[in-house]
Amino acid sequence: MQVQDLYIYPVKSCAGIRLESADLTPTGLKHDREYVITKPDGMFVTQRQLPRLALIKPRIADNVLTLDAPDMETLRIVKNEDANIQPVTVWNSTVLAADQGDAVAAWLQSYLGVELRLFALCAATHRPINPDFARNPDDVVSFADGYAMLLISQASLDGLNEKLAEQVGMERFRPNIVVSGATPHAEDFWKELHINDIPMSGVKLCARCSIPAIDQATAKMGKEPNRTLASYRRHERGVMFGMNMVHHALGTLRVGDAVTINEHHATLGGL
């Protein structure tokens, strides 16, 4: 088995970027979910509330974030970690983050029609993962939903597409790591593994929300693949697809890296 694709999503719930290689930071792949869009009160928003976030295409280099969206002028933002530090809430976590200013807020409001702010990870941001699934007390995460990375095998998507009238792409599921050479849903049981000699743990299956039913090219909501996925992937904790990962060392991941499984969960996803 090997790494087939690597993706980052610099702004939570906006479009992703495919990479040939990615450095690991303490929170996951470098620049992944480094920014989050919030309501004025600091509560995060995603495609669940605003599907057109899917059409915002970020680019990122060093400390410069560039945003493009349909019928909008390109916006260039120089990251300011010393900006107005405010509390931001993502699910059950409230952390400190840096407000990136009025210009980007105006751009977001012009595109999406509601008042929004953009916040960035900064030195004050410290967001531990759910301690029930942490491997170490210092396991932390960016503005991702809950864990450093999401891994999905290509075979799992292929198996889903065999059941669908119209195929969907992997972008619907927003993984960081796509693995080839596995059997469908083999990742459900991956507990301890190495990628490019970097030790990682599969800590929790990913319960899916409504976002996979949003066409990432049009921002239109449908019923698939969620309806079909629910017919055979339902668990008492939700409809599962993909494995949430934490890593235990820093380094670089590359497309083509070998994936070696060292230990399996005795039960589905350790749940």
C-alpha atoms as a PDB file:
ATOM      1  CA  MET A   1       0.000   0.000   0.000  1.00  0.00           C
ATOM      2  CA  GLN A   2       1.106   3.542  -0.618  1.00  0.00           C
ATOM      3  CA  VAL A   3       0.050   7.174  -0.387  1.00  0.00           C
ATOM      4  CA  GLN A   4      -1.904   8.027  -3.529  1.00  0.00           C
ATOM      5  CA  ASP A   5      -2.894  11.620  -2.731  1.00  0.00           C
ATOM      6  CA  LEU A   6      -2.239  14.309  -0.139  1.00  0.00           C
ATOM      7  CA  TYR A   7      -4.586  17.233   0.476  1.00  0.00           C
ATOM      8  CA  ILE A   8      -4.683  20.307   2.660  1.00  0.00           C
ATOM      9  CA  TYR A   9      -7.575  22.705   3.235  1.00  0.00           C
ATOM     10  CA  PRO A  10      -5.990  26.002   4.312  1.00  0.00           C
ATOM     11  CA  VAL A  11      -9.367  27.574   5.161  1.00  0.00           C
ATOM     12  CA  LYS A  12     -11.737  25.256   6.977  1.00  0.00           C
ATOM     13  CA  SER A  13     -14.619  24.180   4.699  1.00  0.00           C
ATOM     14  CA  CYS A  14     -13.226  25.887   1.601  1.00  0.00           C
ATOM     15  CA  ALA A  15     -11.684  24.065  -1.368  1.00  0.00           C
ATOM     16  CA  GLY A  16      -8.687  21.822  -0.920  1.00  0.00           C
ATOM     17  CA  ILE A  17      -5.242  21.722  -2.517  1.00  0.00           C
ATOM     18  CA  ARG A  18      -3.591  18.514  -3.728  1.00  0.00           C
ATOM     19  CA  LEU A  19       0.126  18.287  -2.939  1.00  0.00           C
ATOM     20  CA  GLU A  20       2.935  15.963  -3.926  1.00  0.00           C
ATOM     21  CA  SER A  21       4.488  16.330  -0.485  1.00  0.00           C
ATOM     22  CA  ALA A  22       3.516  17.891   2.826  1.00  0.00           C
ATOM     23  CA  ASP A  23       5.404  18.595   6.035  1.00  0.00           C
ATOM     24  CA  LEU A  24       3.931  17.503   9.336  1.00  0.00           C
ATOM     25  CA  THR A  25       3.535  20.075  12.102  1.00  0.00           C
ATOM     26  CA  PRO A  26       2.248  19.349  15.618  1.00  0.00           C
ATOM     27  CA  THR A  27      -1.340  19.992  14.454  1.00  0.00           C
ATOM     28  CA  GLY A  28      -1.159  17.951  11.214  1.00  0.00           C
ATOM     29  CA  LEU A  29      -0.148  18.749   7.644  1.00  0.00           C
ATOM     30  CA  LYS A  30       1.380  22.201   7.295  1.00  0.00           C
ATOM     31  CA  HIS A  31      -1.246  24.881   6.550  1.00  0.00           C
ATOM     32  CA  ASP A  32      -4.172  22.451   6.912  1.00  0.00           C
ATOM     33  CA  ARG A  33      -7.167  24.227   8.473  1.00  0.00           C
ATOM     34  CA  GLU A  34      -4.852  27.078   9.449  1.00  0.00           C
ATOM     35  CA  TYR A  35      -7.750  29.516   9.017  1.00  0.00           C
ATOM     36  CA  VAL A  36     -11.396  29.379  10.018  1.00  0.00           C
ATOM     37  CA  ILE A  37     -14.376  31.518   9.031  1.00  0.00           C
ATOM     38  CA  THR A  38     -16.671  32.525  11.862  1.00  0.00           C
ATOM     39  CA  LYS A  39     -19.753  34.512  12.684  1.00  0.00           C
ATOM     40  CA  PRO A  40     -19.079  37.867  14.386  1.00  0.00           C
ATOM     41  CA  ASP A  41     -19.355  36.145  17.779  1.00  0.00           C
ATOM     42  CA  GLY A  42     -16.501  33.764  16.927  1.00  0.00           C
ATOM     43  CA  MET A  43     -18.635  30.672  16.260  1.00  0.00           C
ATOM     44  CA  PHE A  44     -17.252  28.729  13.305  1.00  0.00           C
ATOM     45  CA  VAL A  45     -19.208  28.195  10.099  1.00  0.00           C
ATOM     46  CA  THR A  46     -18.839  25.483   7.455  1.00  0.00           C
ATOM     47  CA  GLN A  47     -20.492  24.265   4.284  1.00  0.00           C
ATOM     48  CA  ARG A  48     -23.221  22.860   6.528  1.00  0.00           C
ATOM     49  CA  GLN A  49     -24.561  26.408   6.866  1.00  0.00           C
ATOM     50  CA  LEU A  50     -22.959  28.025   3.814  1.00  0.00           C
ATOM     51  CA  PRO A  51     -22.494  25.532   0.936  1.00  0.00           C
ATOM     52  CA  ARG A  52     -20.894  28.190  -1.297  1.00  0.00           C
ATOM     53  CA  LEU A  53     -17.789  28.029   0.877  1.00  0.00           C
ATOM     54  CA  ALA A  54     -16.923  25.070  -1.377  1.00  0.00           C
ATOM     55  CA  LEU A  55     -16.336  27.503  -4.255  1.00  0.00           C
ATOM     56  CA  ILE A  56     -13.744  29.587  -2.399  1.00  0.00           C
ATOM     57  CA  LYS A  57     -10.355  28.426  -3.668  1.00  0.00           C
ATOM     58  CA  PRO A  58      -7.424  29.193  -1.367  1.00  0.00           C
ATOM     59  CA  ARG A  59      -3.757  29.231  -2.266  1.00  0.00           C
ATOM     60  CA  ILE A  60      -1.085  29.507   0.384  1.00  0.00           C
ATOM     61  CA  ALA A  61       2.633  30.201   0.415  1.00  0.00           C
ATOM     62  CA  ASP A  62       4.553  30.988   3.572  1.00  0.00           C
ATOM     63  CA  ASN A  63       2.444  33.596   5.381  1.00  0.00           C
ATOM     64  CA  VAL A  64       0.389  34.712   2.385  1.00  0.00           C
ATOM     65  CA  LEU A  65      -3.130  33.386   1.801  1.00  0.00           C
ATOM     66  CA  THR A  66      -4.843  34.070  -1.528  1.00  0.00           C
ATOM     67  CA  LEU A  67      -8.589  33.616  -2.004  1.00  0.00           C
ATOM     68  CA  ASP A  68     -10.565  33.338  -5.247  1.00  0.00           C
ATOM     69  CA  ALA A  69     -14.304  32.870  -5.692  1.00  0.00           C
ATOM     70  CA  PRO A  70     -16.775  33.234  -8.577  1.00  0.00           C
ATOM     71  CA  ASP A  71     -17.294  36.856  -9.645  1.00  0.00           C
ATOM     72  CA  MET A  72     -14.959  38.119  -6.904  1.00  0.00           C
ATOM     73  CA  GLU A  73     -11.633  39.891  -7.193  1.00  0.00           C
ATOM     74  CA  THR A  74      -8.674  37.883  -5.926  1.00  0.00           C
ATOM     75  CA  LEU A  75      -7.883  38.688  -2.299  1.00  0.00           C
ATOM     76  CA  ARG A  76      -4.370  38.468  -0.888  1.00  0.00           C
ATOM     77  CA  ILE A  77      -3.953  38.267   2.883  1.00  0.00           C
ATOM     78  CA  VAL A  78      -0.627  38.489   4.705  1.00  0.00           C
ATOM     79  CA  LYS A  79      -1.072  36.445   7.862  1.00  0.00           C
ATOM     80  CA  ASN A  80      -0.943  38.549  11.012  1.00  0.00           C
ATOM     81  CA  GLU A  81      -0.497  36.429  14.121  1.00  0.00           C
ATOM     82  CA  ASP A  82      -0.324  39.505  16.342  1.00  0.00           C
ATOM     83  CA  ALA A  83      -3.676  40.855  15.187  1.00  0.00           C
ATOM     84  CA  ASN A  84      -6.769  41.214  17.336  1.00  0.00           C
ATOM     85  CA  ILE A  85      -6.687  38.011  19.412  1.00  0.00           C
ATOM     86  CA  GLN A  86     -10.187  36.744  20.125  1.00  0.00           C
ATOM     87  CA  PRO A  87     -11.849  33.512  21.279  1.00  0.00           C
ATOM     88  CA  VAL A  88     -13.039  31.243  18.471  1.00  0.00           C
ATOM     89  CA  THR A  89     -15.298  28.235  18.937  1.00  0.00           C
ATOM     90  CA  VAL A  90     -15.043  25.057  16.833  1.00  0.00           C
ATOM     91  CA  TRP A  91     -17.475  22.414  18.088  1.00  0.00           C
ATOM     92  CA  ASN A  92     -16.728  22.002  21.803  1.00  0.00           C
ATOM     93  CA  SER A  93     -13.392  23.838  21.701  1.00  0.00           C
ATOM     94  CA  THR A  94     -12.947  27.537  22.376  1.00  0.00           C
ATOM     95  CA  VAL A  95      -9.430  28.770  21.654  1.00  0.00           C
ATOM     96  CA  LEU A  96      -7.661  32.057  20.970  1.00  0.00           C
ATOM     97  CA  ALA A  97      -6.991  33.026  17.346  1.00  0.00           C
ATOM     98  CA  ALA A  98      -5.955  36.066  15.325  1.00  0.00           C
ATOM     99  CA  ASP A  99      -8.600  38.095  13.477  1.00  0.00           C
ATOM    100  CA  GLN A 100      -7.300  38.818   9.970  1.00  0.00           C
ATOM    101  CA  GLY A 101      -9.006  42.151   9.585  1.00  0.00           C
ATOM    102  CA  ASP A 102     -11.824  44.087   8.012  1.00  0.00           C
ATOM    103  CA  ALA A 103     -10.769  43.753   4.351  1.00  0.00           C
ATOM    104  CA  VAL A 104     -11.176  39.981   4.292  1.00  0.00           C
ATOM    105  CA  ALA A 105     -14.366  40.255   6.375  1.00  0.00           C
ATOM    106  CA  ALA A 106     -15.820  42.614   3.755  1.00  0.00           C
ATOM    107  CA  TRP A 107     -14.767  40.242   0.945  1.00  0.00           C
ATOM    108  CA  LEU A 108     -16.478  37.297   2.648  1.00  0.00           C
ATOM    109  CA  GLN A 109     -19.626  39.294   3.296  1.00  0.00           C
ATOM    110  CA  SER A 110     -19.733  40.481  -0.316  1.00  0.00           C
ATOM    111  CA  TYR A 111     -19.468  36.906  -1.582  1.00  0.00           C
ATOM    112  CA  LEU A 112     -21.625  35.069   0.955  1.00  0.00           C
ATOM    113  CA  GLY A 113     -24.083  37.783   1.942  1.00  0.00           C
ATOM    114  CA  VAL A 114     -23.640  37.463   5.704  1.00  0.00           C
ATOM    115  CA  GLU A 115     -21.325  39.090   8.225  1.00  0.00           C
ATOM    116  CA  LEU A 116     -18.255  36.920   8.792  1.00  0.00           C
ATOM    117  CA  ARG A 117     -14.683  37.098  10.104  1.00  0.00           C
ATOM    118  CA  LEU A 118     -11.534  35.153   9.215  1.00  0.00           C
ATOM    119  CA  PHE A 119      -9.285  33.914  12.009  1.00  0.00           C
ATOM    120  CA  ALA A 120      -5.829  32.318  11.862  1.00  0.00           C
ATOM    121  CA  LEU A 121      -3.925  29.964  14.103  1.00  0.00           C
ATOM    122  CA  CYS A 122      -1.411  31.874  16.198  1.00  0.00           C
ATOM    123  CA  ALA A 123       0.972  31.312  19.088  1.00  0.00           C
ATOM    124  CA  ALA A 124      -1.928  31.585  21.528  1.00  0.00           C
ATOM    125  CA  THR A 125      -3.901  28.827  19.783  1.00  0.00           C
ATOM    126  CA  HIS A 126      -3.736  25.513  21.638  1.00  0.00           C
ATOM    127  CA  ARG A 127      -6.487  23.016  20.860  1.00  0.00           C
ATOM    128  CA  PRO A 128      -6.123  19.505  22.292  1.00  0.00           C
ATOM    129  CA  ILE A 129      -7.920  16.642  20.595  1.00  0.00           C
ATOM    130  CA  ASN A 130     -10.662  14.746  22.419  1.00  0.00           C
ATOM    131  CA  PRO A 131      -8.846  13.170  25.385  1.00  0.00           C
ATOM    132  CA  ASP A 132     -10.978  10.034  25.011  1.00  0.00           C
ATOM    133  CA  PHE A 133      -9.106   9.288  21.771  1.00  0.00           C
ATOM    134  CA  ALA A 134      -5.744  10.995  22.316  1.00  0.00           C
ATOM    135  CA  ARG A 135      -2.647   8.845  22.343  1.00  0.00           C
ATOM    136  CA  ASN A 136      -0.580  11.485  24.146  1.00  0.00           C
ATOM    137  CA  PRO A 137      -1.523  14.468  26.351  1.00  0.00           C
ATOM    138  CA  ASP A 138       0.108  16.833  23.838  1.00  0.00           C
ATOM    139  CA  ASP A 139      -1.921  15.642  20.803  1.00  0.00           C
ATOM    140  CA  VAL A 140      -3.274  18.871  19.297  1.00  0.00           C
ATOM    141  CA  VAL A 141      -5.277  19.865  16.244  1.00  0.00           C
ATOM    142  CA  SER A 142      -5.759  22.941  14.068  1.00  0.00           C
ATOM    143  CA  PHE A 143      -9.275  24.124  13.124  1.00  0.00           C
ATOM    144  CA  ALA A 144     -10.071  20.668  11.700  1.00  0.00           C
ATOM    145  CA  ASP A 145     -13.181  19.085  13.181  1.00  0.00           C
ATOM    146  CA  GLY A 146     -11.318  17.079  15.766  1.00  0.00           C
ATOM    147  CA  TYR A 147      -8.142  15.258  14.730  1.00  0.00           C
ATOM    148  CA  ALA A 148      -4.844  15.971  13.010  1.00  0.00           C
ATOM    149  CA  MET A 149      -5.579  14.099   9.769  1.00  0.00           C
ATOM    150  CA  LEU A 150      -8.224  12.070   7.969  1.00  0.00           C
ATOM    151  CA  LEU A 151      -7.186   8.980   6.006  1.00  0.00           C
ATOM    152  CA  ILE A 152      -9.361   7.196   3.433  1.00  0.00           C
ATOM    153  CA  SER A 153      -8.477   4.323   1.109  1.00  0.00           C
ATOM    154  CA  GLN A 154      -9.256   4.687  -2.575  1.00  0.00           C
ATOM    155  CA  ALA A 155     -10.841   1.246  -2.418  1.00  0.00           C
ATOM    156  CA  SER A 156     -13.449   2.516   0.050  1.00  0.00           C
ATOM    157  CA  LEU A 157     -14.515   5.226  -2.394  1.00  0.00           C
ATOM    158  CA  ASP A 158     -14.472   2.749  -5.280  1.00  0.00           C
ATOM    159  CA  GLY A 159     -16.758   0.449  -3.310  1.00  0.00           C
ATOM    160  CA  LEU A 160     -19.177   3.297  -2.653  1.00  0.00           C
ATOM    161  CA  ASN A 161     -19.174   4.350  -6.308  1.00  0.00           C
ATOM    162  CA  GLU A 162     -20.093   0.822  -7.372  1.00  0.00           C
ATOM    163  CA  LYS A 163     -23.351   1.344  -5.479  1.00  0.00           C
ATOM    164  CA  LEU A 164     -24.130   4.820  -6.869  1.00  0.00           C
ATOM    165  CA  ALA A 165     -25.915   5.727 -10.096  1.00  0.00           C
ATOM    166  CA  GLU A 166     -23.601   8.739 -10.458  1.00  0.00           C
ATOM    167  CA  GLN A 167     -20.055   8.493  -9.177  1.00  0.00           C
ATOM    168  CA  VAL A 168     -18.601  11.001  -6.737  1.00  0.00           C
ATOM    169  CA  GLY A 169     -15.015  12.118  -6.242  1.00  0.00           C
ATOM    170  CA  MET A 170     -12.869  11.871  -3.144  1.00  0.00           C
ATOM    171  CA  GLU A 171     -13.178  15.653  -2.687  1.00  0.00           C
ATOM    172  CA  ARG A 172     -16.648  15.058  -1.224  1.00  0.00           C
ATOM    173  CA  PHE A 173     -15.008  13.504   1.855  1.00  0.00           C
ATOM    174  CA  ARG A 174     -12.154  16.012   2.345  1.00  0.00           C
ATOM    175  CA  PRO A 175      -9.359  13.596   3.371  1.00  0.00           C
ATOM    176  CA  ASN A 176      -5.750  14.538   4.003  1.00  0.00           C
ATOM    177  CA  ILE A 177      -4.286  11.153   3.040  1.00  0.00           C
ATOM    178  CA  VAL A 178      -5.615   8.804   0.363  1.00  0.00           C
ATOM    179  CA  VAL A 179      -4.125   5.308   0.321  1.00  0.00           C
ATOM    180  CA  SER A 180      -4.068   2.941  -2.647  1.00  0.00           C
ATOM    181  CA  GLY A 181      -3.606  -0.826  -2.580  1.00  0.00           C
ATOM    182  CA  ALA A 182      -5.964  -1.567   0.325  1.00  0.00           C
ATOM    183  CA  THR A 183      -9.276  -3.407   0.368  1.00  0.00           C
ATOM    184  CA  PRO A 184     -12.505  -1.435   0.905  1.00  0.00           C
ATOM    185  CA  HIS A 185     -12.700  -0.046   4.453  1.00  0.00           C
ATOM    186  CA  ALA A 186      -9.559  -1.833   5.566  1.00  0.00           C
ATOM    187  CA  GLU A 187      -8.671   1.442   7.310  1.00  0.00           C
ATOM    188  CA  ASP A 188     -11.541   0.808   9.751  1.00  0.00           C
ATOM    189  CA  PHE A 189      -9.187  -1.442  11.701  1.00  0.00           C
ATOM    190  CA  TRP A 190      -5.835   0.352  11.322  1.00  0.00           C
ATOM    191  CA  LYS A 191      -4.664   1.110  14.843  1.00  0.00           C
ATOM    192  CA  GLU A 192      -0.898   1.655  14.505  1.00  0.00           C
ATOM    193  CA  LEU A 193       0.911   2.319  11.225  1.00  0.00           C
ATOM    194  CA  HIS A 194       3.904   3.977   9.631  1.00  0.00           C
ATOM    195  CA  ILE A 195       4.011   6.247   6.587  1.00  0.00           C
ATOM    196  CA  ASN A 196       7.540   7.111   5.477  1.00  0.00           C
ATOM    197  CA  ASP A 197       8.701   5.726   8.841  1.00  0.00           C
ATOM    198  CA  ILE A 198       6.521   8.260  10.684  1.00  0.00           C
ATOM    199  CA  PRO A 199       4.444   6.497  13.361  1.00  0.00           C
ATOM    200  CA  MET A 200       0.725   7.243  13.386  1.00  0.00           C
ATOM    201  CA  SER A 201      -2.399   5.958  15.094  1.00  0.00           C
ATOM    202  CA  GLY A 202      -5.880   5.465  13.746  1.00  0.00           C
ATOM    203  CA  VAL A 203      -7.844   6.733  16.727  1.00  0.00           C
ATOM    204  CA  LYS A 204     -11.479   7.017  15.657  1.00  0.00           C
ATOM    205  CA  LEU A 205     -13.665   6.370  12.642  1.00  0.00           C
ATOM    206  CA  CYS A 206     -14.993   9.538  11.021  1.00  0.00           C
ATOM    207  CA  ALA A 207     -18.739  10.072  11.426  1.00  0.00           C
ATOM    208  CA  ARG A 208     -19.976  11.884   8.316  1.00  0.00           C
ATOM    209  CA  CYS A 209     -22.174  14.964   8.261  1.00  0.00           C
ATOM    210  CA  SER A 210     -24.117  16.514   5.374  1.00  0.00           C
ATOM    211  CA  ILE A 211     -21.074  17.899   3.525  1.00  0.00           C
ATOM    212  CA  PRO A 212     -20.450  14.815   1.314  1.00  0.00           C
ATOM    213  CA  ALA A 213     -23.865  15.496  -0.239  1.00  0.00           C
ATOM    214  CA  ILE A 214     -22.634  18.913  -1.462  1.00  0.00           C
ATOM    215  CA  ASP A 215     -21.205  18.939  -4.989  1.00  0.00           C
ATOM    216  CA  GLN A 216     -17.858  20.643  -4.457  1.00  0.00           C
ATOM    217  CA  ALA A 217     -17.854  22.030  -8.015  1.00  0.00           C
ATOM    218  CA  THR A 218     -21.306  23.634  -7.859  1.00  0.00           C
ATOM    219  CA  ALA A 219     -22.088  23.946  -4.117  1.00  0.00           C
ATOM    220  CA  LYS A 220     -25.456  22.267  -4.745  1.00  0.00           C
ATOM    221  CA  MET A 221     -26.831  19.917  -2.097  1.00  0.00           C
ATOM    222  CA  GLY A 222     -28.194  16.517  -3.064  1.00  0.00           C
ATOM    223  CA  LYS A 223     -29.114  13.278  -1.316  1.00  0.00           C
ATOM    224  CA  GLU A 224     -26.181  11.195  -2.495  1.00  0.00           C
ATOM    225  CA  PRO A 225     -23.790   9.736  -1.581  1.00  0.00           C
ATOM    226  CA  ASN A 226     -25.103  10.112   1.973  1.00  0.00           C
ATOM    227  CA  ARG A 227     -28.263   8.076   1.409  1.00  0.00           C
ATOM    228  CA  THR A 228     -26.394   5.115  -0.082  1.00  0.00           C
ATOM    229  CA  LEU A 229     -23.565   5.364   2.434  1.00  0.00           C
ATOM    230  CA  ALA A 230     -26.067   5.216   5.285  1.00  0.00           C
ATOM    231  CA  SER A 231     -27.489   1.974   3.890  1.00  0.00           C
ATOM    232  CA  TYR A 232     -24.332   0.020   4.678  1.00  0.00           C
ATOM    233  CA  ARG A 233     -22.015   2.146   6.838  1.00  0.00           C
ATOM    234  CA  ARG A 234     -24.300   3.059   9.730  1.00  0.00           C
ATOM    235  CA  HIS A 235     -22.913   2.629  13.232  1.00  0.00           C
ATOM    236  CA  GLU A 236     -24.464   3.614  16.564  1.00  0.00           C
ATOM    237  CA  ARG A 237     -22.178   6.686  16.514  1.00  0.00           C
ATOM    238  CA  GLY A 238     -23.079   7.724  12.968  1.00  0.00           C
ATOM    239  CA  VAL A 239     -22.429   6.917   9.314  1.00  0.00           C
ATOM    240  CA  MET A 240     -18.719   6.113   9.147  1.00  0.00           C
ATOM    241  CA  PHE A 241     -16.286   6.720   6.302  1.00  0.00           C
ATOM    242  CA  GLY A 242     -12.544   7.159   6.833  1.00  0.00           C
ATOM    243  CA  MET A 243     -10.222   7.024   9.830  1.00  0.00           C
ATOM    244  CA  ASN A 244      -9.141   9.956  11.985  1.00  0.00           C
ATOM    245  CA  MET A 245      -5.396   9.940  12.587  1.00  0.00           C
ATOM    246  CA  VAL A 246      -2.843  11.350  14.996  1.00  0.00           C
ATOM    247  CA  HIS A 247       0.917  11.303  14.394  1.00  0.00           C
ATOM    248  CA  HIS A 248       3.773  10.744  16.807  1.00  0.00           C
ATOM    249  CA  ALA A 249       6.688  12.376  14.997  1.00  0.00           C
ATOM    250  CA  LEU A 250       7.344  15.189  12.561  1.00  0.00           C
ATOM    251  CA  GLY A 251       8.655  14.750   9.038  1.00  0.00           C
ATOM    252  CA  THR A 252       7.469  14.852   5.449  1.00  0.00           C
ATOM    253  CA  LEU A 253       4.804  12.790   3.724  1.00  0.00           C
ATOM    254  CA  ARG A 254       5.022  12.235  -0.028  1.00  0.00           C
ATOM    255  CA  VAL A 255       2.834  10.732  -2.689  1.00  0.00           C
ATOM    256  CA  GLY A 256       4.214   7.232  -3.218  1.00  0.00           C
ATOM    257  CA  ASP A 257       5.269   6.705   0.405  1.00  0.00           C
ATOM    258  CA  ALA A 258       4.800   3.167   1.679  1.00  0.00           C
ATOM    259  CA  VAL A 259       2.025   2.559   4.208  1.00  0.00           C
ATOM    260  CA  THR A 260       2.793  -0.192   6.716  1.00  0.00           C
ATOM    261  CA  ILE A 261       0.223  -1.476   9.206  1.00  0.00           C
ATOM    262  CA  ASN A 262       1.697  -2.542  12.539  1.00  0.00           C
ATOM    263  CA  GLU A 263      -1.389  -3.243  14.637  1.00  0.00           C
ATOM    264  CA  HIS A 264      -5.124  -3.606  14.060  1.00  0.00           C
ATOM    265  CA  HIS A 265      -8.065  -2.623  16.237  1.00  0.00           C
ATOM    266  CA  ALA A 266      -9.883  -5.616  17.697  1.00  0.00           C
ATOM    267  CA  THR A 267     -13.214  -3.868  17.074  1.00  0.00           C
ATOM    268  CA  LEU A 268     -14.491  -1.582  14.332  1.00  0.00           C
ATOM    269  CA  GLY A 269     -12.375   1.561  14.538  1.00  0.00           C
ATOM    270  CA  GLY A 270     -11.679   0.889  18.178  1.00  0.00           C
ATOM    271  CA  LEU A 271     -15.244   1.978  19.024  1.00  0.00           C
END
